[in-house]
Amino acid sequence: MNHATDVYTLLPPNVDPVPWLAGPGYVKKPQDSSTYERVAQRPEGSLMESTITYGKPKLTGLKVLVIDDSKTIRRTAETLLTKEGCEVFTAVDGFDALSKIADHQPDIVFVDIMMPRLDGYQTCSLIKHNKVFKQIPVIMLSSKDGLFDRARGRIVGSEHYLTKPFTKDELLGAIEAHVGK
């Protein structure tokens, strides 16, 4: 197979090339969004195919801001979300976060409660009181799991509350529950 275009011209019009896969000749099977075919041309001109399953990241293109003074939490969340296809931005505190929100306009924000200078409650409140950014879902992160902490998060406008350490499923579940509502 010399060129991907040779393969694509032999495909039905409802099957599109998948540009994010490495290598030419991979196409999406129309009946299953998580299954892709490797299509190659035989010398006699007929098609041979083998099914290869690849999981395209579910959250491709989603912009996420993670605000936490802990480098470990920022890196963990960034790694997990990047593997899912998200574009992740991080901030070390609320002041840093406000400029990044204006610059990147994230689809969702995860914010730690206990931070220096501007804590998570204050940061969330500032986001929710801004007419441009108030629609952005804010998820509070905390090592505290008390009823008072959760209630205070709701009062300032957060949509969800995750207790640290959080799991990958909890992080992704929060995104799926609140993005695109």
N, C-alpha and C. Protein backbone atom coordinates (compact mmCIF):
# COMPACT_ATOMS: atom_id res chain seq x y z
N MET A 1 0.86 -1.17 0.00
CA MET A 1 0.00 0.00 0.00
C MET A 1 0.90 1.23 0.00
N ASN A 2 0.81 2.00 -1.03
CA ASN A 2 1.67 3.15 -1.17
C ASN A 2 1.11 4.41 -0.55
N HIS A 3 -0.16 4.68 -0.80
CA HIS A 3 -0.75 5.92 -0.33
C HIS A 3 -2.10 5.64 0.29
N ALA A 4 -2.40 6.39 1.32
CA ALA A 4 -3.70 6.25 1.99
C ALA A 4 -4.83 6.60 1.04
N THR A 5 -4.59 7.51 0.12
CA THR A 5 -5.65 7.91 -0.80
C THR A 5 -6.08 6.75 -1.68
N ASP A 6 -5.16 5.83 -2.00
CA ASP A 6 -5.54 4.64 -2.77
C ASP A 6 -6.58 3.82 -2.03
N VAL A 7 -6.40 3.71 -0.73
CA VAL A 7 -7.33 2.94 0.08
C VAL A 7 -8.65 3.69 0.22
N TYR A 8 -8.56 4.99 0.49
CA TYR A 8 -9.78 5.75 0.75
C TYR A 8 -10.70 5.81 -0.47
N THR A 9 -10.13 5.80 -1.68
CA THR A 9 -10.97 5.85 -2.87
C THR A 9 -11.76 4.57 -3.04
N LEU A 10 -11.33 3.49 -2.43
CA LEU A 10 -12.04 2.22 -2.53
C LEU A 10 -13.12 2.07 -1.46
N LEU A 11 -13.18 3.00 -0.52
CA LEU A 11 -14.12 2.90 0.59
C LEU A 11 -15.47 3.49 0.23
N PRO A 12 -16.53 2.97 0.85
CA PRO A 12 -17.84 3.58 0.64
C PRO A 12 -17.84 5.01 1.19
N PRO A 13 -18.72 5.88 0.69
CA PRO A 13 -18.70 7.29 1.11
C PRO A 13 -19.05 7.51 2.57
N ASN A 14 -19.73 6.58 3.24
CA ASN A 14 -20.11 6.79 4.64
C ASN A 14 -19.00 6.41 5.62
N VAL A 15 -17.85 5.97 5.14
CA VAL A 15 -16.73 5.61 6.01
C VAL A 15 -15.64 6.66 5.85
N ASP A 16 -15.36 7.37 6.93
CA ASP A 16 -14.38 8.45 6.89
C ASP A 16 -13.04 8.00 7.43
N PRO A 17 -11.96 8.57 6.92
CA PRO A 17 -10.64 8.28 7.51
C PRO A 17 -10.58 8.83 8.93
N VAL A 18 -9.81 8.20 9.75
CA VAL A 18 -9.65 8.63 11.13
C VAL A 18 -8.25 9.22 11.26
N PRO A 19 -8.13 10.56 11.22
CA PRO A 19 -6.81 11.17 11.15
C PRO A 19 -5.95 11.03 12.39
N TRP A 20 -6.55 10.80 13.56
CA TRP A 20 -5.73 10.78 14.77
C TRP A 20 -5.01 9.46 14.98
N LEU A 21 -5.35 8.42 14.21
CA LEU A 21 -4.64 7.15 14.34
C LEU A 21 -3.32 7.22 13.58
N ALA A 22 -2.32 6.57 14.12
CA ALA A 22 -1.03 6.58 13.46
C ALA A 22 -1.08 5.67 12.24
N GLY A 23 -0.56 6.14 11.16
CA GLY A 23 -0.47 5.33 9.95
C GLY A 23 -1.67 5.48 9.06
N PRO A 24 -1.46 5.36 7.77
CA PRO A 24 -2.55 5.47 6.81
C PRO A 24 -3.38 4.20 6.76
N GLY A 25 -4.60 4.34 6.31
CA GLY A 25 -5.42 3.18 6.02
C GLY A 25 -6.35 2.74 7.12
N TYR A 26 -6.43 3.45 8.23
CA TYR A 26 -7.37 3.10 9.27
C TYR A 26 -8.67 3.84 9.03
N VAL A 27 -9.78 3.13 9.14
CA VAL A 27 -11.07 3.75 8.94
C VAL A 27 -12.02 3.34 10.05
N LYS A 28 -12.97 4.21 10.34
CA LYS A 28 -13.96 3.93 11.37
C LYS A 28 -15.05 3.05 10.78
N LYS A 29 -15.39 1.97 11.48
CA LYS A 29 -16.51 1.14 11.06
C LYS A 29 -17.79 1.85 11.47
N PRO A 30 -18.72 2.06 10.55
CA PRO A 30 -19.90 2.86 10.87
C PRO A 30 -20.78 2.29 11.96
N GLN A 31 -20.81 0.99 12.16
CA GLN A 31 -21.72 0.41 13.14
C GLN A 31 -21.17 0.45 14.56
N ASP A 32 -19.89 0.72 14.75
CA ASP A 32 -19.32 0.68 16.09
C ASP A 32 -18.27 1.78 16.20
N SER A 33 -18.53 2.77 17.03
CA SER A 33 -17.62 3.91 17.11
C SER A 33 -16.29 3.59 17.77
N SER A 34 -16.15 2.43 18.41
CA SER A 34 -14.88 2.12 19.06
C SER A 34 -14.09 1.07 18.28
N THR A 35 -14.55 0.67 17.12
CA THR A 35 -13.86 -0.34 16.33
C THR A 35 -13.38 0.28 15.02
N TYR A 36 -12.14 -0.02 14.66
CA TYR A 36 -11.56 0.52 13.44
C TYR A 36 -11.03 -0.63 12.61
N GLU A 37 -11.01 -0.44 11.30
CA GLU A 37 -10.51 -1.47 10.41
C GLU A 37 -9.20 -1.00 9.80
N ARG A 38 -8.31 -1.93 9.62
CA ARG A 38 -7.08 -1.66 8.88
C ARG A 38 -7.36 -2.18 7.48
N VAL A 39 -7.34 -1.30 6.51
CA VAL A 39 -7.68 -1.67 5.16
C VAL A 39 -6.41 -1.60 4.31
N ALA A 40 -6.14 -2.64 3.59
CA ALA A 40 -4.98 -2.67 2.72
C ALA A 40 -5.40 -3.17 1.34
N GLN A 41 -4.59 -2.87 0.35
CA GLN A 41 -4.92 -3.27 -1.01
C GLN A 41 -4.10 -4.50 -1.37
N ARG A 42 -4.81 -5.53 -1.85
CA ARG A 42 -4.12 -6.72 -2.35
C ARG A 42 -3.59 -6.42 -3.74
N PRO A 43 -2.61 -7.19 -4.17
CA PRO A 43 -2.07 -6.96 -5.51
C PRO A 43 -3.14 -6.99 -6.61
N GLU A 44 -4.13 -7.89 -6.47
CA GLU A 44 -5.14 -8.00 -7.51
C GLU A 44 -6.20 -6.90 -7.41
N GLY A 45 -6.07 -5.97 -6.45
CA GLY A 45 -6.97 -4.84 -6.37
C GLY A 45 -8.14 -5.01 -5.43
N SER A 46 -8.36 -6.19 -4.85
CA SER A 46 -9.46 -6.36 -3.91
C SER A 46 -9.02 -5.90 -2.52
N LEU A 47 -9.98 -5.69 -1.67
CA LEU A 47 -9.67 -5.24 -0.32
C LEU A 47 -9.53 -6.41 0.63
N MET A 48 -8.57 -6.35 1.51
CA MET A 48 -8.52 -7.28 2.64
C MET A 48 -8.58 -6.41 3.88
N GLU A 49 -9.18 -6.90 4.91
CA GLU A 49 -9.31 -6.10 6.12
C GLU A 49 -9.15 -6.95 7.35
N SER A 50 -8.67 -6.34 8.39
CA SER A 50 -8.62 -6.98 9.69
C SER A 50 -9.11 -5.97 10.71
N THR A 51 -9.89 -6.43 11.65
CA THR A 51 -10.46 -5.52 12.63
C THR A 51 -9.48 -5.30 13.76
N ILE A 52 -9.27 -4.04 14.09
CA ILE A 52 -8.41 -3.66 15.20
C ILE A 52 -9.23 -2.72 16.06
N THR A 53 -9.28 -2.99 17.35
CA THR A 53 -10.07 -2.14 18.23
C THR A 53 -9.15 -1.15 18.91
N TYR A 54 -9.50 0.10 18.77
CA TYR A 54 -8.79 1.17 19.44
C TYR A 54 -9.83 2.00 20.17
N GLY A 55 -9.54 2.41 21.38
CA GLY A 55 -10.47 3.27 22.09
C GLY A 55 -10.06 4.71 21.90
N LYS A 56 -10.77 5.42 21.03
CA LYS A 56 -10.50 6.85 20.89
C LYS A 56 -10.87 7.52 22.21
N PRO A 57 -10.02 8.40 22.70
CA PRO A 57 -10.35 9.07 23.95
C PRO A 57 -11.74 9.69 23.89
N LYS A 58 -12.53 9.46 24.93
CA LYS A 58 -13.92 9.91 24.97
C LYS A 58 -14.04 11.43 25.08
N LEU A 59 -13.08 12.06 25.69
CA LEU A 59 -13.21 13.47 26.02
C LEU A 59 -12.31 14.36 25.16
N THR A 60 -12.04 13.94 23.95
CA THR A 60 -11.15 14.66 23.07
C THR A 60 -11.60 16.11 22.88
N GLY A 61 -10.67 17.02 23.10
CA GLY A 61 -10.95 18.43 22.89
C GLY A 61 -11.54 19.17 24.06
N LEU A 62 -11.91 18.46 25.12
CA LEU A 62 -12.50 19.10 26.29
C LEU A 62 -11.41 19.86 27.05
N LYS A 63 -11.66 21.12 27.37
CA LYS A 63 -10.68 21.92 28.10
C LYS A 63 -11.00 21.88 29.59
N VAL A 64 -10.00 21.46 30.36
CA VAL A 64 -10.17 21.29 31.81
C VAL A 64 -9.11 22.12 32.53
N LEU A 65 -9.55 22.84 33.57
CA LEU A 65 -8.62 23.57 34.42
C LEU A 65 -8.60 22.90 35.79
N VAL A 66 -7.40 22.53 36.25
CA VAL A 66 -7.23 21.92 37.57
C VAL A 66 -6.45 22.92 38.43
N ILE A 67 -7.10 23.34 39.53
CA ILE A 67 -6.50 24.33 40.43
C ILE A 67 -6.21 23.64 41.76
N ASP A 68 -4.95 23.52 42.09
CA ASP A 68 -4.56 22.88 43.35
C ASP A 68 -3.15 23.31 43.69
N ASP A 69 -2.89 23.59 44.96
CA ASP A 69 -1.54 23.96 45.36
C ASP A 69 -0.63 22.76 45.47
N SER A 70 -1.18 21.55 45.41
CA SER A 70 -0.38 20.33 45.46
C SER A 70 0.04 19.91 44.04
N LYS A 71 1.33 19.88 43.83
CA LYS A 71 1.86 19.47 42.52
C LYS A 71 1.44 18.04 42.19
N THR A 72 1.38 17.18 43.20
CA THR A 72 1.00 15.78 43.00
C THR A 72 -0.43 15.68 42.48
N ILE A 73 -1.35 16.40 43.07
CA ILE A 73 -2.75 16.38 42.63
C ILE A 73 -2.86 16.93 41.21
N ARG A 74 -2.18 18.04 40.94
CA ARG A 74 -2.24 18.63 39.59
C ARG A 74 -1.73 17.64 38.55
N ARG A 75 -0.59 17.02 38.83
CA ARG A 75 -0.01 16.07 37.87
C ARG A 75 -0.88 14.83 37.70
N THR A 76 -1.43 14.32 38.80
CA THR A 76 -2.29 13.14 38.72
C THR A 76 -3.51 13.42 37.86
N ALA A 77 -4.19 14.51 38.15
CA ALA A 77 -5.39 14.87 37.37
C ALA A 77 -5.02 15.13 35.92
N GLU A 78 -3.92 15.83 35.70
CA GLU A 78 -3.49 16.13 34.33
C GLU A 78 -3.19 14.85 33.55
N THR A 79 -2.51 13.91 34.17
CA THR A 79 -2.18 12.65 33.51
C THR A 79 -3.44 11.87 33.17
N LEU A 80 -4.33 11.72 34.14
CA LEU A 80 -5.57 10.96 33.91
C LEU A 80 -6.41 11.59 32.81
N LEU A 81 -6.56 12.90 32.85
CA LEU A 81 -7.42 13.58 31.89
C LEU A 81 -6.80 13.68 30.51
N THR A 82 -5.50 13.84 30.44
CA THR A 82 -4.82 13.88 29.14
C THR A 82 -4.96 12.54 28.42
N LYS A 83 -4.87 11.44 29.17
CA LYS A 83 -5.07 10.12 28.56
C LYS A 83 -6.47 9.94 28.00
N GLU A 84 -7.42 10.69 28.52
CA GLU A 84 -8.80 10.64 28.03
C GLU A 84 -9.05 11.63 26.90
N GLY A 85 -8.01 12.35 26.51
CA GLY A 85 -8.13 13.26 25.38
C GLY A 85 -8.38 14.71 25.74
N CYS A 86 -8.39 15.04 27.02
CA CYS A 86 -8.66 16.42 27.44
C CYS A 86 -7.43 17.30 27.22
N GLU A 87 -7.70 18.57 27.04
CA GLU A 87 -6.66 19.58 27.04
C GLU A 87 -6.66 20.15 28.45
N VAL A 88 -5.59 19.91 29.19
CA VAL A 88 -5.58 20.24 30.62
C VAL A 88 -4.67 21.43 30.89
N PHE A 89 -5.19 22.37 31.68
CA PHE A 89 -4.43 23.52 32.16
C PHE A 89 -4.41 23.42 33.68
N THR A 90 -3.33 23.87 34.27
CA THR A 90 -3.25 23.81 35.73
C THR A 90 -2.92 25.19 36.30
N ALA A 91 -3.33 25.36 37.54
CA ALA A 91 -3.05 26.60 38.27
C ALA A 91 -2.74 26.24 39.71
N VAL A 92 -1.86 27.03 40.35
CA VAL A 92 -1.42 26.73 41.71
C VAL A 92 -2.30 27.37 42.78
N ASP A 93 -3.08 28.39 42.39
CA ASP A 93 -4.00 29.02 43.35
C ASP A 93 -5.09 29.77 42.58
N GLY A 94 -5.99 30.38 43.31
CA GLY A 94 -7.11 31.07 42.70
C GLY A 94 -6.73 32.23 41.81
N PHE A 95 -5.73 33.01 42.21
CA PHE A 95 -5.30 34.14 41.39
C PHE A 95 -4.75 33.67 40.05
N ASP A 96 -3.91 32.66 40.09
CA ASP A 96 -3.36 32.07 38.87
C ASP A 96 -4.49 31.52 38.00
N ALA A 97 -5.48 30.93 38.64
CA ALA A 97 -6.60 30.31 37.92
C ALA A 97 -7.45 31.34 37.19
N LEU A 98 -7.69 32.48 37.79
CA LEU A 98 -8.57 33.48 37.16
C LEU A 98 -8.02 33.95 35.82
N SER A 99 -6.72 34.13 35.73
CA SER A 99 -6.14 34.54 34.45
C SER A 99 -6.21 33.39 33.43
N LYS A 100 -6.04 32.16 33.89
CA LYS A 100 -6.11 31.02 32.97
C LYS A 100 -7.53 30.77 32.48
N ILE A 101 -8.51 31.05 33.32
CA ILE A 101 -9.91 30.92 32.89
C ILE A 101 -10.19 31.92 31.78
N ALA A 102 -9.72 33.14 31.95
CA ALA A 102 -9.92 34.16 30.93
C ALA A 102 -9.18 33.82 29.63
N ASP A 103 -7.98 33.28 29.75
CA ASP A 103 -7.17 32.96 28.57
C ASP A 103 -7.69 31.73 27.81
N HIS A 104 -8.07 30.67 28.55
CA HIS A 104 -8.36 29.38 27.92
C HIS A 104 -9.84 29.01 27.87
N GLN A 105 -10.68 29.68 28.64
CA GLN A 105 -12.11 29.41 28.70
C GLN A 105 -12.40 27.90 28.79
N PRO A 106 -12.07 27.29 29.92
CA PRO A 106 -12.24 25.84 30.08
C PRO A 106 -13.71 25.44 30.08
N ASP A 107 -13.95 24.16 29.78
CA ASP A 107 -15.30 23.60 29.80
C ASP A 107 -15.71 23.18 31.20
N ILE A 108 -14.72 22.91 32.07
CA ILE A 108 -14.97 22.52 33.45
C ILE A 108 -13.75 22.89 34.29
N VAL A 109 -14.00 23.18 35.57
CA VAL A 109 -12.93 23.56 36.49
C VAL A 109 -12.98 22.67 37.72
N PHE A 110 -11.82 22.14 38.10
CA PHE A 110 -11.65 21.41 39.36
C PHE A 110 -10.83 22.31 40.27
N VAL A 111 -11.34 22.60 41.46
CA VAL A 111 -10.64 23.52 42.35
C VAL A 111 -10.53 22.94 43.76
N ASP A 112 -9.31 22.97 44.28
CA ASP A 112 -9.04 22.57 45.66
C ASP A 112 -9.61 23.63 46.60
N ILE A 113 -10.06 23.22 47.75
CA ILE A 113 -10.62 24.18 48.70
C ILE A 113 -9.52 24.90 49.46
N MET A 114 -8.59 24.15 50.03
CA MET A 114 -7.56 24.73 50.88
C MET A 114 -6.33 25.13 50.05
N MET A 115 -6.26 26.43 49.73
CA MET A 115 -5.13 26.96 48.97
C MET A 115 -4.72 28.29 49.58
N PRO A 116 -3.47 28.68 49.39
CA PRO A 116 -3.03 29.99 49.89
C PRO A 116 -3.61 31.12 49.03
N ARG A 117 -3.56 32.31 49.54
CA ARG A 117 -4.00 33.54 48.88
C ARG A 117 -5.50 33.56 48.59
N LEU A 118 -5.99 32.79 47.67
CA LEU A 118 -7.40 32.78 47.31
C LEU A 118 -7.86 31.32 47.36
N ASP A 119 -8.67 30.96 48.35
CA ASP A 119 -9.05 29.55 48.50
C ASP A 119 -10.10 29.13 47.46
N GLY A 120 -10.46 27.86 47.49
CA GLY A 120 -11.39 27.31 46.51
C GLY A 120 -12.78 27.90 46.57
N TYR A 121 -13.27 28.18 47.78
CA TYR A 121 -14.59 28.79 47.92
C TYR A 121 -14.62 30.18 47.28
N GLN A 122 -13.58 30.98 47.56
CA GLN A 122 -13.50 32.32 46.99
C GLN A 122 -13.35 32.27 45.46
N THR A 123 -12.53 31.34 44.99
CA THR A 123 -12.32 31.19 43.56
C THR A 123 -13.61 30.80 42.86
N CYS A 124 -14.31 29.81 43.41
CA CYS A 124 -15.58 29.37 42.85
C CYS A 124 -16.59 30.52 42.83
N SER A 125 -16.67 31.25 43.90
CA SER A 125 -17.60 32.37 43.99
C SER A 125 -17.30 33.43 42.93
N LEU A 126 -16.03 33.73 42.71
CA LEU A 126 -15.65 34.71 41.69
C LEU A 126 -16.03 34.23 40.28
N ILE A 127 -15.84 32.94 40.03
CA ILE A 127 -16.20 32.37 38.72
C ILE A 127 -17.71 32.47 38.52
N LYS A 128 -18.47 32.08 39.54
CA LYS A 128 -19.92 32.03 39.43
C LYS A 128 -20.58 33.41 39.41
N HIS A 129 -19.88 34.43 39.91
CA HIS A 129 -20.44 35.78 39.88
C HIS A 129 -20.00 36.58 38.65
N ASN A 130 -19.26 35.94 37.76
CA ASN A 130 -18.84 36.58 36.52
C ASN A 130 -19.80 36.16 35.41
N LYS A 131 -20.46 37.11 34.76
CA LYS A 131 -21.48 36.77 33.77
C LYS A 131 -20.93 36.00 32.57
N VAL A 132 -19.65 36.15 32.27
CA VAL A 132 -19.04 35.44 31.15
C VAL A 132 -18.73 33.98 31.51
N PHE A 133 -18.32 33.73 32.74
CA PHE A 133 -17.84 32.40 33.12
C PHE A 133 -18.76 31.61 34.05
N LYS A 134 -19.89 32.18 34.44
CA LYS A 134 -20.74 31.53 35.44
C LYS A 134 -21.31 30.19 34.99
N GLN A 135 -21.38 29.94 33.68
CA GLN A 135 -21.91 28.67 33.19
C GLN A 135 -20.89 27.53 33.27
N ILE A 136 -19.64 27.83 33.54
CA ILE A 136 -18.61 26.78 33.64
C ILE A 136 -18.85 25.97 34.91
N PRO A 137 -18.99 24.63 34.78
CA PRO A 137 -19.15 23.80 35.98
C PRO A 137 -17.88 23.84 36.83
N VAL A 138 -18.07 23.98 38.14
CA VAL A 138 -16.95 23.99 39.08
C VAL A 138 -17.11 22.80 40.02
N ILE A 139 -16.08 21.98 40.09
CA ILE A 139 -16.06 20.81 40.97
C ILE A 139 -15.05 21.07 42.08
N MET A 140 -15.52 21.00 43.31
CA MET A 140 -14.65 21.24 44.46
C MET A 140 -13.86 19.97 44.77
N LEU A 141 -12.60 20.14 45.13
CA LEU A 141 -11.73 19.03 45.56
C LEU A 141 -11.30 19.31 46.99
N SER A 142 -11.40 18.30 47.85
CA SER A 142 -10.97 18.51 49.23
C SER A 142 -10.65 17.19 49.90
N SER A 143 -9.77 17.25 50.87
CA SER A 143 -9.49 16.08 51.70
C SER A 143 -10.52 15.98 52.82
N LYS A 144 -11.29 17.05 53.02
CA LYS A 144 -12.36 17.05 54.02
C LYS A 144 -13.64 16.48 53.40
N ASP A 145 -14.35 15.69 54.18
CA ASP A 145 -15.57 15.08 53.67
C ASP A 145 -16.77 15.42 54.55
N GLY A 146 -16.73 16.58 55.16
CA GLY A 146 -17.80 16.96 56.08
C GLY A 146 -19.00 17.58 55.38
N LEU A 147 -20.14 17.48 56.02
CA LEU A 147 -21.37 18.04 55.50
C LEU A 147 -21.26 19.57 55.36
N PHE A 148 -20.62 20.22 56.33
CA PHE A 148 -20.45 21.67 56.28
C PHE A 148 -19.64 22.09 55.05
N ASP A 149 -18.57 21.35 54.76
CA ASP A 149 -17.72 21.68 53.61
C ASP A 149 -18.48 21.53 52.29
N ARG A 150 -19.26 20.47 52.20
CA ARG A 150 -20.07 20.24 50.99
C ARG A 150 -21.14 21.33 50.83
N ALA A 151 -21.79 21.68 51.93
CA ALA A 151 -22.82 22.72 51.89
C ALA A 151 -22.23 24.07 51.50
N ARG A 152 -21.09 24.38 52.05
CA ARG A 152 -20.45 25.66 51.72
C ARG A 152 -20.06 25.70 50.23
N GLY A 153 -19.63 24.56 49.69
CA GLY A 153 -19.33 24.48 48.27
C GLY A 153 -20.56 24.75 47.41
N ARG A 154 -21.70 24.20 47.82
CA ARG A 154 -22.96 24.45 47.11
C ARG A 154 -23.37 25.91 47.19
N ILE A 155 -23.18 26.50 48.35
CA ILE A 155 -23.57 27.91 48.55
C ILE A 155 -22.81 28.83 47.59
N VAL A 156 -21.53 28.57 47.37
CA VAL A 156 -20.74 29.43 46.47
C VAL A 156 -20.94 29.07 45.00
N GLY A 157 -21.69 27.99 44.72
CA GLY A 157 -22.05 27.69 43.34
C GLY A 157 -21.44 26.45 42.71
N SER A 158 -20.69 25.65 43.47
CA SER A 158 -20.09 24.47 42.85
C SER A 158 -21.16 23.43 42.51
N GLU A 159 -20.91 22.69 41.46
CA GLU A 159 -21.85 21.67 41.00
C GLU A 159 -21.62 20.31 41.65
N HIS A 160 -20.39 20.06 42.12
CA HIS A 160 -20.06 18.73 42.61
C HIS A 160 -18.91 18.85 43.61
N TYR A 161 -18.70 17.80 44.38
CA TYR A 161 -17.68 17.81 45.42
C TYR A 161 -16.98 16.45 45.39
N LEU A 162 -15.68 16.44 45.17
CA LEU A 162 -14.91 15.19 45.20
C LEU A 162 -13.95 15.22 46.38
N THR A 163 -13.89 14.10 47.08
CA THR A 163 -12.97 13.98 48.20
C THR A 163 -11.65 13.39 47.71
N LYS A 164 -10.55 14.01 48.12
CA LYS A 164 -9.22 13.50 47.77
C LYS A 164 -8.83 12.41 48.76
N PRO A 165 -8.15 11.39 48.33
CA PRO A 165 -7.76 11.13 46.95
C PRO A 165 -8.95 10.62 46.13
N PHE A 166 -9.08 11.12 44.93
CA PHE A 166 -10.17 10.71 44.05
C PHE A 166 -9.68 9.64 43.09
N THR A 167 -10.60 8.89 42.53
CA THR A 167 -10.25 7.86 41.55
C THR A 167 -10.47 8.41 40.14
N LYS A 168 -9.93 7.72 39.18
CA LYS A 168 -10.13 8.08 37.78
C LYS A 168 -11.62 8.08 37.45
N ASP A 169 -12.34 7.08 37.92
CA ASP A 169 -13.78 6.98 37.64
C ASP A 169 -14.55 8.15 38.25
N GLU A 170 -14.17 8.57 39.44
CA GLU A 170 -14.84 9.71 40.07
C GLU A 170 -14.59 11.00 39.27
N LEU A 171 -13.36 11.17 38.83
CA LEU A 171 -13.00 12.35 38.06
C LEU A 171 -13.77 12.38 36.73
N LEU A 172 -13.76 11.27 36.02
CA LEU A 172 -14.47 11.20 34.74
C LEU A 172 -15.97 11.26 34.92
N GLY A 173 -16.47 10.66 35.99
CA GLY A 173 -17.91 10.71 36.28
C GLY A 173 -18.39 12.13 36.52
N ALA A 174 -17.58 12.92 37.22
CA ALA A 174 -17.94 14.32 37.47
C ALA A 174 -17.99 15.09 36.16
N ILE A 175 -17.05 14.83 35.28
CA ILE A 175 -17.04 15.51 33.98
C ILE A 175 -18.28 15.12 33.17
N GLU A 176 -18.54 13.82 33.09
CA GLU A 176 -19.68 13.35 32.30
C GLU A 176 -21.00 13.87 32.86
N ALA A 177 -21.09 14.02 34.16
CA ALA A 177 -22.34 14.49 34.78
C ALA A 177 -22.57 15.98 34.56
N HIS A 178 -21.51 16.77 34.37
CA HIS A 178 -21.68 18.22 34.37
C HIS A 178 -21.30 18.95 33.10
N VAL A 179 -20.61 18.31 32.19
CA VAL A 179 -20.24 18.99 30.94
C VAL A 179 -21.30 18.70 29.89
N GLY A 180 -21.74 19.74 29.23
CA GLY A 180 -22.72 19.60 28.17
C GLY A 180 -24.15 19.59 28.64
N LYS A 181 -24.39 19.97 29.87
CA LYS A 181 -25.77 20.04 30.38
C LYS A 181 -26.52 21.17 29.74
